[in-house]
């Protein structure tokens, strides 16, 4: 059983993070709350990095990230080698992210669901084991891709396109 979970959220995910933190504690999980600790505006990549690094450094077994939609947190967390962050908005994707992809970070959209749905998704995700077998081979291939591209571009990123004018 997973015992310790790192939590991170930006201002848009703060309310859901607090509700899920209480749910986790109520069900006997240890929680490492890495912030944010208010609804003041913050930058989601900072919290994604803290949670992702705590997972790959084995300070916790799994992580939970929440921002407005979950998209930014998932993108940022997946930049940390060894993280398999899954943005889930329903029970099926939560289960499959664990069973088939061995996701070690769950990402939720705080503006997309209430506390009850968030708790249901989190519960399904925590209770689902990785199936291994052919899925392990595929997860290993993800890790191979990660290793092949780590450091390849020495900090180079894809150029951003200019924002459209209204």
C-alpha atoms as a PDB file:
ATOM      1  CA  UNK A   1       0.000   0.000   0.000  1.00  0.00           C
ATOM      2  CA  UNK A   2       1.154   3.507  -0.783  1.00  0.00           C
ATOM      3  CA  UNK A   3       1.830   5.310   2.479  1.00  0.00           C
ATOM      4  CA  UNK A   4       3.247   8.747   1.651  1.00  0.00           C
ATOM      5  CA  UNK A   5       2.023  11.112  -1.035  1.00  0.00           C
ATOM      6  CA  UNK A   6       3.472  14.494  -1.984  1.00  0.00           C
ATOM      7  CA  UNK A   7       0.934  17.190  -2.792  1.00  0.00           C
ATOM      8  CA  UNK A   8       1.403  20.302  -4.867  1.00  0.00           C
ATOM      9  CA  UNK A   9      -0.968  22.857  -6.304  1.00  0.00           C
ATOM     10  CA  UNK A  10      -1.072  26.343  -7.672  1.00  0.00           C
ATOM     11  CA  UNK A  11      -3.648  28.937  -6.634  1.00  0.00           C
ATOM     12  CA  UNK A  12      -6.318  27.411  -8.920  1.00  0.00           C
ATOM     13  CA  UNK A  13      -5.821  23.972  -7.395  1.00  0.00           C
ATOM     14  CA  UNK A  14      -5.463  25.062  -3.782  1.00  0.00           C
ATOM     15  CA  UNK A  15      -9.064  24.356  -2.733  1.00  0.00           C
ATOM     16  CA  UNK A  16      -9.137  20.856  -4.211  1.00  0.00           C
ATOM     17  CA  UNK A  17      -5.675  20.117  -2.786  1.00  0.00           C
ATOM     18  CA  UNK A  18      -6.864  21.016   0.694  1.00  0.00           C
ATOM     19  CA  UNK A  19      -9.994  18.838   0.345  1.00  0.00           C
ATOM     20  CA  UNK A  20      -7.972  15.870  -0.939  1.00  0.00           C
ATOM     21  CA  UNK A  21      -5.317  16.359   1.722  1.00  0.00           C
ATOM     22  CA  UNK A  22      -8.018  15.987   4.377  1.00  0.00           C
ATOM     23  CA  UNK A  23      -9.378  12.905   2.579  1.00  0.00           C
ATOM     24  CA  UNK A  24      -5.908  11.312   2.440  1.00  0.00           C
ATOM     25  CA  UNK A  25      -5.206  11.959   6.115  1.00  0.00           C
ATOM     26  CA  UNK A  26      -8.644  10.609   7.050  1.00  0.00           C
ATOM     27  CA  UNK A  27      -7.815   7.358   5.233  1.00  0.00           C
ATOM     28  CA  UNK A  28      -4.446   6.959   6.930  1.00  0.00           C
ATOM     29  CA  UNK A  29      -2.049   8.252   4.300  1.00  0.00           C
ATOM     30  CA  UNK A  30       0.989  10.345   5.194  1.00  0.00           C
ATOM     31  CA  UNK A  31       1.027  13.636   3.299  1.00  0.00           C
ATOM     32  CA  UNK A  32       3.940  15.829   2.308  1.00  0.00           C
ATOM     33  CA  UNK A  33       2.254  19.142   1.424  1.00  0.00           C
ATOM     34  CA  UNK A  34       4.675  21.104  -0.744  1.00  0.00           C
ATOM     35  CA  UNK A  35       2.292  24.005  -1.313  1.00  0.00           C
ATOM     36  CA  UNK A  36       0.911  26.332  -2.280  1.00  0.00           C
ATOM     37  CA  UNK A  37      -0.656  27.306   1.007  1.00  0.00           C
ATOM     38  CA  UNK A  38      -3.088  29.996  -0.161  1.00  0.00           C
ATOM     39  CA  UNK A  39      -5.013  31.256  -3.171  1.00  0.00           C
ATOM     40  CA  UNK A  40      -2.379  33.897  -3.932  1.00  0.00           C
ATOM     41  CA  UNK A  41      -1.200  33.636  -7.536  1.00  0.00           C
ATOM     42  CA  UNK A  42       1.854  31.390  -8.001  1.00  0.00           C
ATOM     43  CA  UNK A  43       3.600  29.622 -10.878  1.00  0.00           C
ATOM     44  CA  UNK A  44       2.556  25.977 -11.312  1.00  0.00           C
ATOM     45  CA  UNK A  45       5.940  24.713 -12.642  1.00  0.00           C
ATOM     46  CA  UNK A  46       7.522  25.425  -9.248  1.00  0.00           C
ATOM     47  CA  UNK A  47       5.144  23.036  -7.482  1.00  0.00           C
ATOM     48  CA  UNK A  48       5.241  20.451 -10.250  1.00  0.00           C
ATOM     49  CA  UNK A  49       9.023  20.283  -9.876  1.00  0.00           C
ATOM     50  CA  UNK A  50       8.885  19.950  -6.087  1.00  0.00           C
ATOM     51  CA  UNK A  51       6.431  17.054  -6.200  1.00  0.00           C
ATOM     52  CA  UNK A  52       8.064  15.323  -9.174  1.00  0.00           C
ATOM     53  CA  UNK A  53      11.502  15.522  -7.572  1.00  0.00           C
ATOM     54  CA  UNK A  54      10.187  14.167  -4.276  1.00  0.00           C
ATOM     55  CA  UNK A  55       8.851  11.123  -6.164  1.00  0.00           C
ATOM     56  CA  UNK A  56      12.036  10.360  -8.121  1.00  0.00           C
ATOM     57  CA  UNK A  57      14.180  11.021  -5.031  1.00  0.00           C
ATOM     58  CA  UNK A  58      12.091   8.390  -3.178  1.00  0.00           C
ATOM     59  CA  UNK A  59      10.985  10.802  -0.445  1.00  0.00           C
ATOM     60  CA  UNK A  60       7.423   9.662  -1.224  1.00  0.00           C
ATOM     61  CA  UNK A  61       5.862   6.775  -3.138  1.00  0.00           C
ATOM     62  CA  UNK A  62       3.581   8.913  -5.304  1.00  0.00           C
ATOM     63  CA  UNK A  63       2.578  12.475  -6.041  1.00  0.00           C
ATOM     64  CA  UNK A  64      -0.596  14.479  -6.586  1.00  0.00           C
ATOM     65  CA  UNK A  65      -0.592  17.756  -8.515  1.00  0.00           C
ATOM     66  CA  UNK A  66      -3.506  20.128  -9.073  1.00  0.00           C
ATOM     67  CA  UNK A  67      -3.784  23.290 -11.134  1.00  0.00           C
ATOM     68  CA  UNK A  68      -6.712  24.833 -12.990  1.00  0.00           C
ATOM     69  CA  UNK A  69      -6.903  22.281 -15.804  1.00  0.00           C
ATOM     70  CA  UNK A  70      -4.036  19.967 -14.856  1.00  0.00           C
ATOM     71  CA  UNK A  71      -2.396  20.459 -18.242  1.00  0.00           C
ATOM     72  CA  UNK A  72       0.451  22.704 -17.143  1.00  0.00           C
ATOM     73  CA  UNK A  73       1.266  20.610 -14.082  1.00  0.00           C
ATOM     74  CA  UNK A  74       1.371  17.425 -16.173  1.00  0.00           C
ATOM     75  CA  UNK A  75       3.626  19.008 -18.784  1.00  0.00           C
ATOM     76  CA  UNK A  76       6.013  20.371 -16.159  1.00  0.00           C
ATOM     77  CA  UNK A  77       6.139  17.221 -14.009  1.00  0.00           C
ATOM     78  CA  UNK A  78       6.861  15.015 -17.017  1.00  0.00           C
ATOM     79  CA  UNK A  79      10.045  16.991 -17.679  1.00  0.00           C
ATOM     80  CA  UNK A  80      11.581  15.369 -14.584  1.00  0.00           C
ATOM     81  CA  UNK A  81      13.265  12.096 -15.610  1.00  0.00           C
ATOM     82  CA  UNK A  82      11.541   9.123 -14.027  1.00  0.00           C
ATOM     83  CA  UNK A  83       8.186  10.811 -13.588  1.00  0.00           C
ATOM     84  CA  UNK A  84       5.132   9.384 -15.295  1.00  0.00           C
ATOM     85  CA  UNK A  85       2.502  12.019 -14.546  1.00  0.00           C
ATOM     86  CA  UNK A  86      -1.024  11.304 -15.771  1.00  0.00           C
ATOM     87  CA  UNK A  87      -3.738  13.917 -16.146  1.00  0.00           C
ATOM     88  CA  UNK A  88      -6.962  12.117 -15.250  1.00  0.00           C
ATOM     89  CA  UNK A  89     -10.511  13.426 -15.313  1.00  0.00           C
ATOM     90  CA  UNK A  90     -12.417  10.194 -14.714  1.00  0.00           C
ATOM     91  CA  UNK A  91     -12.160   6.828 -12.986  1.00  0.00           C
ATOM     92  CA  UNK A  92     -11.245   4.880 -16.114  1.00  0.00           C
ATOM     93  CA  UNK A  93      -8.213   7.013 -17.003  1.00  0.00           C
ATOM     94  CA  UNK A  94      -7.104   6.966 -13.355  1.00  0.00           C
ATOM     95  CA  UNK A  95      -7.181   3.171 -13.273  1.00  0.00           C
ATOM     96  CA  UNK A  96      -5.538   2.765 -16.676  1.00  0.00           C
ATOM     97  CA  UNK A  97      -2.785   5.259 -15.840  1.00  0.00           C
ATOM     98  CA  UNK A  98      -1.763   2.946 -13.012  1.00  0.00           C
ATOM     99  CA  UNK A  99      -2.566  -0.466 -14.502  1.00  0.00           C
ATOM    100  CA  UNK A 100      -1.039   0.107 -17.941  1.00  0.00           C
ATOM    101  CA  UNK A 101       1.345   3.056 -17.494  1.00  0.00           C
ATOM    102  CA  UNK A 102       2.542   2.758 -13.886  1.00  0.00           C
ATOM    103  CA  UNK A 103       1.861   6.473 -13.343  1.00  0.00           C
ATOM    104  CA  UNK A 104       3.613   7.743 -10.237  1.00  0.00           C
ATOM    105  CA  UNK A 105       2.059  11.216 -10.250  1.00  0.00           C
ATOM    106  CA  UNK A 106      -1.665  11.935 -10.587  1.00  0.00           C
ATOM    107  CA  UNK A 107      -2.638  15.308 -12.008  1.00  0.00           C
ATOM    108  CA  UNK A 108      -6.104  16.816 -11.585  1.00  0.00           C
ATOM    109  CA  UNK A 109      -7.814  19.971 -12.806  1.00  0.00           C
ATOM    110  CA  UNK A 110      -9.091  21.966  -9.860  1.00  0.00           C
ATOM    111  CA  UNK A 111     -11.453  24.000 -12.035  1.00  0.00           C
ATOM    112  CA  UNK A 112     -12.832  20.874 -13.700  1.00  0.00           C
ATOM    113  CA  UNK A 113     -14.132  18.844 -10.752  1.00  0.00           C
ATOM    114  CA  UNK A 114     -15.359  19.028  -7.205  1.00  0.00           C
ATOM    115  CA  UNK A 115     -13.925  17.388  -4.129  1.00  0.00           C
ATOM    116  CA  UNK A 116     -16.128  14.283  -4.379  1.00  0.00           C
ATOM    117  CA  UNK A 117     -15.068  13.499  -7.944  1.00  0.00           C
ATOM    118  CA  UNK A 118     -11.455  14.312  -7.092  1.00  0.00           C
ATOM    119  CA  UNK A 119     -11.561  11.905  -4.135  1.00  0.00           C
ATOM    120  CA  UNK A 120     -13.129   9.166  -6.272  1.00  0.00           C
ATOM    121  CA  UNK A 121     -10.417   9.540  -8.915  1.00  0.00           C
ATOM    122  CA  UNK A 122      -7.659   9.648  -6.297  1.00  0.00           C
ATOM    123  CA  UNK A 123      -9.029   6.543  -4.553  1.00  0.00           C
ATOM    124  CA  UNK A 124      -9.212   4.591  -7.820  1.00  0.00           C
ATOM    125  CA  UNK A 125      -5.674   5.688  -8.718  1.00  0.00           C
ATOM    126  CA  UNK A 126      -4.230   4.746  -5.330  1.00  0.00           C
ATOM    127  CA  UNK A 127      -5.962   1.359  -5.233  1.00  0.00           C
ATOM    128  CA  UNK A 128      -4.957   0.256  -8.735  1.00  0.00           C
ATOM    129  CA  UNK A 129      -1.782  -1.789  -9.097  1.00  0.00           C
ATOM    130  CA  UNK A 130       0.497  -1.831 -12.118  1.00  0.00           C
ATOM    131  CA  UNK A 131      -0.283  -4.911 -14.235  1.00  0.00           C
ATOM    132  CA  UNK A 132       3.300  -5.479 -15.401  1.00  0.00           C
ATOM    133  CA  UNK A 133       3.709  -7.996 -18.233  1.00  0.00           C
ATOM    134  CA  UNK A 134       3.444  -6.435 -21.677  1.00  0.00           C
ATOM    135  CA  UNK A 135       2.783  -3.090 -19.993  1.00  0.00           C
ATOM    136  CA  UNK A 136       6.157  -3.221 -18.237  1.00  0.00           C
ATOM    137  CA  UNK A 137       7.842  -3.585 -21.620  1.00  0.00           C
ATOM    138  CA  UNK A 138       6.029  -0.458 -22.816  1.00  0.00           C
ATOM    139  CA  UNK A 139       6.870   1.548 -19.709  1.00  0.00           C
ATOM    140  CA  UNK A 140      10.497   0.478 -20.174  1.00  0.00           C
ATOM    141  CA  UNK A 141      10.335   1.862 -23.716  1.00  0.00           C
ATOM    142  CA  UNK A 142       9.141   5.208 -22.342  1.00  0.00           C
ATOM    143  CA  UNK A 143      12.167   5.207 -20.035  1.00  0.00           C
ATOM    144  CA  UNK A 144      14.415   4.361 -23.002  1.00  0.00           C
ATOM    145  CA  UNK A 145      13.079   7.373 -24.913  1.00  0.00           C
ATOM    146  CA  UNK A 146      13.689   9.533 -21.873  1.00  0.00           C
ATOM    147  CA  UNK A 147      17.291   8.310 -21.551  1.00  0.00           C
ATOM    148  CA  UNK A 148      17.998   8.808 -25.257  1.00  0.00           C
ATOM    149  CA  UNK A 149      16.825  12.403 -25.146  1.00  0.00           C
ATOM    150  CA  UNK A 150      18.070  13.467 -21.732  1.00  0.00           C
ATOM    151  CA  UNK A 151      20.628  16.188 -22.197  1.00  0.00           C
ATOM    152  CA  UNK A 152      20.439  15.911 -25.992  1.00  0.00           C
ATOM    153  CA  UNK A 153      19.564  19.490 -26.552  1.00  0.00           C
ATOM    154  CA  UNK A 154      21.518  21.206 -23.770  1.00  0.00           C
ATOM    155  CA  UNK A 155      18.589  23.280 -22.637  1.00  0.00           C
ATOM    156  CA  UNK A 156      17.226  23.888 -26.121  1.00  0.00           C
ATOM    157  CA  UNK A 157      13.437  24.163 -26.220  1.00  0.00           C
ATOM    158  CA  UNK A 158      10.971  24.316 -29.063  1.00  0.00           C
ATOM    159  CA  UNK A 159      10.348  27.918 -30.031  1.00  0.00           C
ATOM    160  CA  UNK A 160       7.091  29.466 -28.876  1.00  0.00           C
ATOM    161  CA  UNK A 161       4.827  30.830 -31.502  1.00  0.00           C
ATOM    162  CA  UNK A 162       3.813  34.449 -31.089  1.00  0.00           C
ATOM    163  CA  UNK A 163       0.439  34.950 -29.476  1.00  0.00           C
ATOM    164  CA  UNK A 164      -2.382  35.742 -31.876  1.00  0.00           C
ATOM    165  CA  UNK A 165      -3.679  39.279 -31.956  1.00  0.00           C
ATOM    166  CA  UNK A 166      -7.333  39.680 -31.065  1.00  0.00           C
END
